[in-house]
Protein backbone atom coordinates (compact mmCIF):
# COMPACT_ATOMS: atom_id res chain seq x y z
CA MET A 1 -314.26 -165.89 -54.95
CA ASP A 2 -315.10 -168.93 -56.80
CA LYS A 3 -317.96 -171.05 -55.44
CA LYS A 4 -317.35 -175.05 -55.37
CA ILE A 5 -320.16 -177.34 -55.45
CA PHE A 6 -319.36 -180.92 -54.15
CA SER A 7 -322.01 -183.82 -54.51
CA LYS A 8 -322.82 -186.74 -52.73
CA GLU A 9 -321.41 -188.77 -55.42
CA ASP A 10 -318.02 -187.11 -55.18
CA PHE A 11 -317.59 -189.11 -51.42
CA GLU A 12 -319.31 -192.37 -52.57
CA ASP A 13 -316.11 -193.46 -54.31
CA LEU A 14 -313.93 -192.65 -51.45
CA SER A 15 -315.63 -194.50 -48.84
CA GLU A 16 -317.81 -197.33 -48.00
CA ASN A 17 -319.83 -194.94 -45.84
CA ILE A 18 -320.62 -191.52 -46.88
CA TYR A 19 -321.09 -190.43 -43.09
CA GLU A 20 -317.58 -191.65 -42.29
CA ALA A 21 -316.07 -189.53 -44.84
CA VAL A 22 -318.01 -186.37 -43.60
CA MET A 23 -316.72 -187.29 -40.14
CA VAL A 24 -313.09 -187.62 -41.29
CA VAL A 25 -313.59 -184.17 -43.48
CA ALA A 26 -315.33 -182.65 -40.16
CA GLN A 27 -312.42 -183.69 -37.95
CA ARG A 28 -309.98 -182.42 -40.73
CA ALA A 29 -311.44 -179.02 -41.02
CA ARG A 30 -311.41 -178.26 -37.07
CA ARG A 31 -307.59 -178.90 -37.40
CA ILE A 32 -307.45 -176.67 -40.35
CA GLY A 33 -309.36 -173.98 -38.54
CA LYS A 34 -307.36 -174.04 -35.53
CA ASP A 35 -304.32 -173.85 -37.69
CA GLN A 36 -305.57 -170.66 -39.36
CA LYS A 37 -306.59 -169.17 -36.06
CA ASP A 38 -302.96 -169.78 -34.86
CA GLN A 39 -301.73 -168.24 -38.34
CA ILE A 40 -303.89 -164.92 -37.48
CA GLU A 41 -303.01 -165.18 -33.84
CA GLN A 42 -299.16 -165.25 -34.94
CA PHE A 43 -299.86 -162.34 -37.64
CA LEU A 44 -301.31 -160.13 -35.07
CA GLY A 45 -298.41 -160.78 -32.90
CA GLU A 46 -295.94 -159.88 -35.39
CA MET A 47 -298.02 -156.60 -36.25
CA GLU A 48 -297.90 -155.63 -32.66
CA THR A 49 -294.23 -156.10 -32.15
CA ASP A 50 -293.45 -154.47 -35.60
CA GLY A 51 -292.40 -150.99 -33.74
CA GLU A 52 -294.44 -149.15 -36.18
CA GLU A 53 -296.94 -146.85 -34.87
CA ASN A 54 -300.15 -148.55 -36.63
CA THR A 55 -303.38 -147.18 -36.58
CA GLY A 56 -306.56 -149.54 -35.99
CA THR A 57 -307.45 -149.15 -39.49
CA VAL A 58 -304.21 -150.27 -40.77
CA LEU A 59 -303.91 -152.93 -38.67
CA ASP A 60 -307.68 -153.85 -39.44
CA GLU A 61 -307.08 -153.89 -43.44
CA LYS A 62 -303.98 -155.92 -43.03
CA LEU A 63 -305.73 -158.52 -40.96
CA LYS A 64 -308.75 -158.46 -43.26
CA ASN A 65 -306.46 -159.10 -46.29
CA GLU A 66 -304.80 -161.95 -44.87
CA ILE A 67 -307.85 -163.84 -43.63
CA LEU A 68 -309.49 -163.05 -47.22
CA LYS A 69 -306.68 -164.98 -48.55
CA MET A 70 -307.65 -168.06 -46.59
CA LYS A 71 -309.69 -170.63 -48.00
CA LYS A 72 -312.68 -172.03 -45.57
CA PRO A 73 -311.27 -174.93 -43.44
CA THR A 74 -314.21 -177.02 -44.69
CA VAL A 75 -313.49 -176.57 -48.58
CA LEU A 76 -309.83 -177.21 -47.72
CA ALA A 77 -310.49 -180.57 -45.94
CA ILE A 78 -312.96 -181.51 -48.94
CA GLU A 79 -310.40 -180.88 -51.36
CA GLU A 80 -307.81 -182.85 -49.45
CA MET A 81 -310.13 -186.00 -49.12
CA LEU A 82 -311.02 -185.66 -53.01
CA GLU A 83 -307.51 -185.54 -53.96
CA GLY A 84 -306.55 -188.31 -51.80
CA GLU A 85 -304.26 -186.49 -49.49
CA LEU A 86 -306.46 -187.32 -46.48
CA LYS A 87 -306.31 -190.96 -45.12
CA TYR A 88 -307.81 -192.33 -42.24
CA SER A 89 -308.07 -195.92 -40.53
CA TYR A 90 -309.20 -197.37 -37.61
CA LYS A 91 -307.65 -198.09 -34.58
CA GLY A 92 -305.88 -201.35 -34.46
CA GLN A 93 -305.63 -201.29 -38.32
CA SER A 94 -302.85 -200.43 -40.44
């Protein structure tokens, strides 16, 4: 898996306050993490209702492969911020 290195300078151009940017990324990462958890639970539900006689190791391998395909929530949120896909505003502002 490729490692990505993000620097403070990457965020300075995106926000007036780097701490603000970090908070926005953290909130988005939590949402992504919840979505990924829901996907895993849905995958498990589908595996259980397949009607196949799955042994624990087959199920574990399939789940492991699905999880390994997913990027970390924090990396996804940072990428969204750096690509300009993640927007935020204050309450009362448009």
